[in-house]
Protein backbone atom coordinates (compact mmCIF):
# COMPACT_ATOMS: atom_id res chain seq x y z
CA MET A 1 100.65 235.61 214.98
CA ALA A 2 100.12 238.65 217.21
CA THR A 3 102.23 241.80 217.13
CA ARG A 4 102.79 244.33 219.92
CA ILE A 5 103.68 247.95 219.23
CA THR A 6 103.73 251.07 221.33
CA SER A 7 101.21 253.81 220.68
CA ARG A 8 104.10 256.05 219.65
CA ASP A 9 105.27 253.53 217.03
CA PHE A 10 101.69 253.13 215.85
CA ASN A 11 101.39 256.89 215.34
CA GLN A 12 104.68 257.04 213.45
CA HIS A 13 104.30 253.82 211.42
CA THR A 14 100.60 253.30 210.83
CA SER A 15 101.15 251.57 207.48
CA ARG A 16 103.44 248.99 209.13
CA ALA A 17 100.78 248.30 211.75
CA LYS A 18 98.15 247.82 209.04
CA GLN A 19 100.43 245.38 207.22
CA ALA A 20 101.06 243.48 210.46
CA ALA A 21 97.29 243.25 211.03
CA THR A 22 96.97 241.15 207.87
CA ARG A 23 99.02 238.48 209.70
CA GLY A 24 97.11 238.70 213.00
CA PRO A 25 95.98 241.09 215.72
CA VAL A 26 98.19 244.07 216.54
CA TYR A 27 98.23 244.99 220.22
CA ILE A 28 98.88 248.70 220.73
CA THR A 29 100.30 249.49 224.14
CA ASP A 30 100.21 252.61 226.30
CA ARG A 31 102.97 252.66 228.92
CA GLY A 32 103.59 248.95 228.44
CA ARG A 33 99.97 247.83 228.88
CA PRO A 34 97.70 246.70 226.02
CA ALA A 35 95.23 249.49 225.26
CA HIS A 36 93.91 248.80 221.74
CA VAL A 37 93.80 246.01 219.18
CA LEU A 38 94.04 246.56 215.43
CA LEU A 39 92.30 243.96 213.23
CA THR A 40 91.50 243.71 209.55
CA TYR A 41 87.83 244.26 208.78
CA ASP A 42 87.43 240.62 207.74
CA ASP A 43 88.85 239.42 211.07
CA TYR A 44 86.56 241.84 212.89
CA ALA A 45 83.49 240.60 211.01
CA ARG A 46 84.49 237.00 211.71
CA LEU A 47 84.83 237.89 215.39
CA LEU A 48 81.28 239.26 215.39
CA GLY A 49 80.04 235.96 214.01
CA GLU A 50 77.66 237.58 211.56
CA ARG A 51 77.56 240.18 208.89
CA PRO A 52 77.16 243.68 210.33
CA ILE A 53 73.99 245.57 209.37
CA THR A 54 76.06 248.02 207.31
CA ASP A 55 76.91 245.18 204.92
CA ARG A 56 73.23 244.45 204.38
CA LEU A 57 72.03 248.00 203.64
CA GLY A 58 72.72 247.73 199.92
CA GLU A 59 70.88 244.45 199.45
CA PRO A 60 67.81 244.82 197.23
CA ALA A 61 65.56 242.28 198.96
CA GLY A 62 65.46 239.94 201.88
CA VAL A 63 66.52 242.40 204.54
CA GLU A 64 63.06 242.46 206.06
CA ASP A 65 64.13 239.70 208.43
CA VAL A 66 66.96 241.72 210.00
CA ASP A 67 66.36 242.06 213.73
CA LEU A 68 67.14 245.55 214.98
CA PRO A 69 67.30 246.31 218.67
CA GLU A 70 64.29 248.22 219.94
CA ALA A 71 64.98 251.60 221.47
CA ARG A 72 63.39 252.02 224.89
CA PHE A 73 62.69 255.35 226.46
CA ASP A 74 61.56 255.55 230.06
CA GLU A 75 60.64 259.22 229.93
CA PRO A 76 57.35 260.33 228.36
CA ALA A 77 57.46 262.46 225.23
CA ARG A 78 57.20 266.20 225.79
CA PRO A 79 56.74 269.10 223.39
CA ALA A 80 59.82 270.81 221.99
CA GLU A 81 60.74 274.18 223.42
CA PHE A 82 61.93 276.81 220.95
CA THR A 83 63.30 279.87 222.67
């Protein structure tokens, strides 16, 4: 069950929006158009389809197999300038 609220109502009644999010997504509108969606963390994690890396940081072992995206830099390294 989805809920729609205005951004003004969201600002004034944040706790109500959080309670509504336990029943389903809360669409927050700006000038009548959907602008944001409020979800519970569990719904968000389910939407991702996997456990976020932040959930795995406290695990003692077995995190060696976590694939992290490789950072790519097209510019060559240059010395730092301290002025």
